[in-house]
Amino acid sequence: MGAETFLVTATGSTLSEAFHQAVAEARAEYGQGGYTGTLAEKDAVRQVFPPSSLSDAQALRQWAAHLLLTEDPDPAWAWIADKWSPAAAVRLDATTWLFFGWASS
């Protein structure tokens, strides 16, 4: 089986709340049969902290996309390229999170 990238935003008062809401929405939209290539495949999340020079949502999305698509990732970020790893999450603002990663398809 293969893998697909995903970038999904969700809101919640906590990371856990936003993650569970986003997973539930992905499962409702793409199903629960497995191998959807979406956030629906994830059962865990790991918060990541981008460079402090990145502060606006667009720059953070570009940074996340770069981490997903780089062919030779920094070892500190290599886990993100593993489709079986937790979803990565970065805070966009007080209640909005960006979830990203690779998922089995």
C-alpha atoms as a PDB file:
ATOM      1  CA  MET A   1       0.000   0.000   0.000  1.00  0.00           C
ATOM      2  CA  GLY A   2       1.015   3.602  -0.561  1.00  0.00           C
ATOM      3  CA  ALA A   3       0.771   6.852   1.306  1.00  0.00           C
ATOM      4  CA  GLU A   4      -0.655  10.323   0.778  1.00  0.00           C
ATOM      5  CA  THR A   5       0.067  13.639   2.434  1.00  0.00           C
ATOM      6  CA  PHE A   6      -2.540  15.646   4.288  1.00  0.00           C
ATOM      7  CA  LEU A   7      -2.772  19.197   5.639  1.00  0.00           C
ATOM      8  CA  VAL A   8      -5.915  19.869   7.657  1.00  0.00           C
ATOM      9  CA  THR A   9      -6.928  22.744   9.912  1.00  0.00           C
ATOM     10  CA  ALA A  10      -9.263  22.380  12.864  1.00  0.00           C
ATOM     11  CA  THR A  11     -10.308  24.424  15.853  1.00  0.00           C
ATOM     12  CA  GLY A  12     -10.581  23.488  19.477  1.00  0.00           C
ATOM     13  CA  SER A  13      -9.807  24.828  22.910  1.00  0.00           C
ATOM     14  CA  THR A  14      -7.024  22.228  23.209  1.00  0.00           C
ATOM     15  CA  LEU A  15      -4.833  20.290  20.815  1.00  0.00           C
ATOM     16  CA  SER A  16      -6.587  17.071  21.780  1.00  0.00           C
ATOM     17  CA  GLU A  17     -10.046  18.526  21.165  1.00  0.00           C
ATOM     18  CA  ALA A  18      -9.078  19.910  17.751  1.00  0.00           C
ATOM     19  CA  PHE A  19      -7.370  16.638  16.767  1.00  0.00           C
ATOM     20  CA  HIS A  20     -10.306  14.437  17.719  1.00  0.00           C
ATOM     21  CA  GLN A  21     -12.717  16.749  15.907  1.00  0.00           C
ATOM     22  CA  ALA A  22     -10.573  16.717  12.755  1.00  0.00           C
ATOM     23  CA  VAL A  23     -10.209  12.921  12.820  1.00  0.00           C
ATOM     24  CA  ALA A  24     -13.968  12.498  13.279  1.00  0.00           C
ATOM     25  CA  GLU A  25     -14.642  14.807  10.323  1.00  0.00           C
ATOM     26  CA  ALA A  26     -12.144  12.934   8.138  1.00  0.00           C
ATOM     27  CA  ARG A  27     -13.693   9.587   9.058  1.00  0.00           C
ATOM     28  CA  ALA A  28     -17.175  10.914   8.308  1.00  0.00           C
ATOM     29  CA  GLU A  29     -16.035  12.199   4.913  1.00  0.00           C
ATOM     30  CA  TYR A  30     -13.638   9.436   3.823  1.00  0.00           C
ATOM     31  CA  GLY A  31     -14.834   6.417   5.802  1.00  0.00           C
ATOM     32  CA  GLN A  32     -13.343   4.235   8.478  1.00  0.00           C
ATOM     33  CA  GLY A  33     -12.256   1.333   6.297  1.00  0.00           C
ATOM     34  CA  GLY A  34      -8.594   2.227   6.446  1.00  0.00           C
ATOM     35  CA  TYR A  35      -6.101   3.304   3.822  1.00  0.00           C
ATOM     36  CA  THR A  36      -7.863   6.604   3.065  1.00  0.00           C
ATOM     37  CA  GLY A  37      -4.637   8.611   2.876  1.00  0.00           C
ATOM     38  CA  THR A  38      -6.169  11.163   5.241  1.00  0.00           C
ATOM     39  CA  LEU A  39      -6.082  12.227   8.860  1.00  0.00           C
ATOM     40  CA  ALA A  40      -8.736   9.535   9.409  1.00  0.00           C
ATOM     41  CA  GLU A  41      -5.864   7.028   9.640  1.00  0.00           C
ATOM     42  CA  LYS A  42      -4.248   8.712  12.640  1.00  0.00           C
ATOM     43  CA  ASP A  43      -4.884   7.819  16.256  1.00  0.00           C
ATOM     44  CA  ALA A  44      -2.206  10.038  17.789  1.00  0.00           C
ATOM     45  CA  VAL A  45      -0.824  13.537  17.373  1.00  0.00           C
ATOM     46  CA  ARG A  46       2.480  15.189  18.221  1.00  0.00           C
ATOM     47  CA  GLN A  47       2.858  18.947  18.559  1.00  0.00           C
ATOM     48  CA  VAL A  48       5.765  20.451  16.639  1.00  0.00           C
ATOM     49  CA  PHE A  49       7.346  23.842  17.117  1.00  0.00           C
ATOM     50  CA  PRO A  50       8.375  25.695  13.959  1.00  0.00           C
ATOM     51  CA  PRO A  51      11.213  28.199  13.771  1.00  0.00           C
ATOM     52  CA  SER A  52      10.273  31.365  15.661  1.00  0.00           C
ATOM     53  CA  SER A  53      10.702  33.401  12.467  1.00  0.00           C
ATOM     54  CA  LEU A  54       7.487  31.830  11.125  1.00  0.00           C
ATOM     55  CA  SER A  55       4.484  33.487  12.658  1.00  0.00           C
ATOM     56  CA  ASP A  56       1.655  33.810  10.145  1.00  0.00           C
ATOM     57  CA  ALA A  57      -0.597  30.944   9.065  1.00  0.00           C
ATOM     58  CA  GLN A  58       0.493  30.994   5.423  1.00  0.00           C
ATOM     59  CA  ALA A  59       4.191  30.715   6.339  1.00  0.00           C
ATOM     60  CA  LEU A  60       3.413  27.881   8.752  1.00  0.00           C
ATOM     61  CA  ARG A  61       1.473  25.994   6.061  1.00  0.00           C
ATOM     62  CA  GLN A  62       4.374  26.415   3.637  1.00  0.00           C
ATOM     63  CA  TRP A  63       6.805  25.164   6.274  1.00  0.00           C
ATOM     64  CA  ALA A  64       4.622  22.105   6.938  1.00  0.00           C
ATOM     65  CA  ALA A  65       4.321  21.372   3.204  1.00  0.00           C
ATOM     66  CA  HIS A  66       8.085  21.643   2.866  1.00  0.00           C
ATOM     67  CA  LEU A  67       8.577  19.112   5.675  1.00  0.00           C
ATOM     68  CA  LEU A  68       6.188  16.730   3.929  1.00  0.00           C
ATOM     69  CA  LEU A  69       7.799  16.965   0.518  1.00  0.00           C
ATOM     70  CA  THR A  70      11.511  17.268   1.210  1.00  0.00           C
ATOM     71  CA  GLU A  71      13.424  14.228  -0.008  1.00  0.00           C
ATOM     72  CA  ASP A  72      16.224  14.535   2.547  1.00  0.00           C
ATOM     73  CA  PRO A  73      14.612  15.716   5.780  1.00  0.00           C
ATOM     74  CA  ASP A  74      16.520  16.909   8.790  1.00  0.00           C
ATOM     75  CA  PRO A  75      16.734  13.865  11.105  1.00  0.00           C
ATOM     76  CA  ALA A  76      14.742  15.760  13.733  1.00  0.00           C
ATOM     77  CA  TRP A  77      11.771  15.901  11.346  1.00  0.00           C
ATOM     78  CA  ALA A  78      12.195  12.542   9.551  1.00  0.00           C
ATOM     79  CA  TRP A  79       9.444  10.897  11.628  1.00  0.00           C
ATOM     80  CA  ILE A  80       6.876  13.082   9.840  1.00  0.00           C
ATOM     81  CA  ALA A  81       7.549  11.186   6.583  1.00  0.00           C
ATOM     82  CA  ASP A  82       6.538   7.868   8.187  1.00  0.00           C
ATOM     83  CA  LYS A  83       2.930   7.046   7.350  1.00  0.00           C
ATOM     84  CA  TRP A  84       2.592   5.114  10.616  1.00  0.00           C
ATOM     85  CA  SER A  85       3.799   8.019  12.799  1.00  0.00           C
ATOM     86  CA  PRO A  86       1.447  10.314  14.703  1.00  0.00           C
ATOM     87  CA  ALA A  87       0.047  13.320  12.894  1.00  0.00           C
ATOM     88  CA  ALA A  88       2.120  16.460  13.342  1.00  0.00           C
ATOM     89  CA  ALA A  89       0.380  19.553  14.695  1.00  0.00           C
ATOM     90  CA  VAL A  90       1.359  23.194  14.767  1.00  0.00           C
ATOM     91  CA  ARG A  91      -0.643  25.949  16.453  1.00  0.00           C
ATOM     92  CA  LEU A  92      -1.835  28.627  14.012  1.00  0.00           C
ATOM     93  CA  ASP A  93      -3.555  30.803  16.621  1.00  0.00           C
ATOM     94  CA  ALA A  94      -5.182  30.481  20.036  1.00  0.00           C
ATOM     95  CA  THR A  95      -7.753  27.910  18.885  1.00  0.00           C
ATOM     96  CA  THR A  96      -6.680  26.801  15.399  1.00  0.00           C
ATOM     97  CA  TRP A  97      -4.310  23.945  14.635  1.00  0.00           C
ATOM     98  CA  LEU A  98      -2.750  22.654  11.434  1.00  0.00           C
ATOM     99  CA  PHE A  99      -2.442  18.871  11.286  1.00  0.00           C
ATOM    100  CA  PHE A 100      -0.149  17.367   8.690  1.00  0.00           C
ATOM    101  CA  GLY A 101       1.700  14.205   7.789  1.00  0.00           C
ATOM    102  CA  TRP A 102       1.622  11.103   5.655  1.00  0.00           C
ATOM    103  CA  ALA A 103      -1.169   8.530   5.919  1.00  0.00           C
ATOM    104  CA  SER A 104      -1.561   5.047   4.511  1.00  0.00           C
ATOM    105  CA  SER A 105      -3.557   4.775   1.300  1.00  0.00           C
END
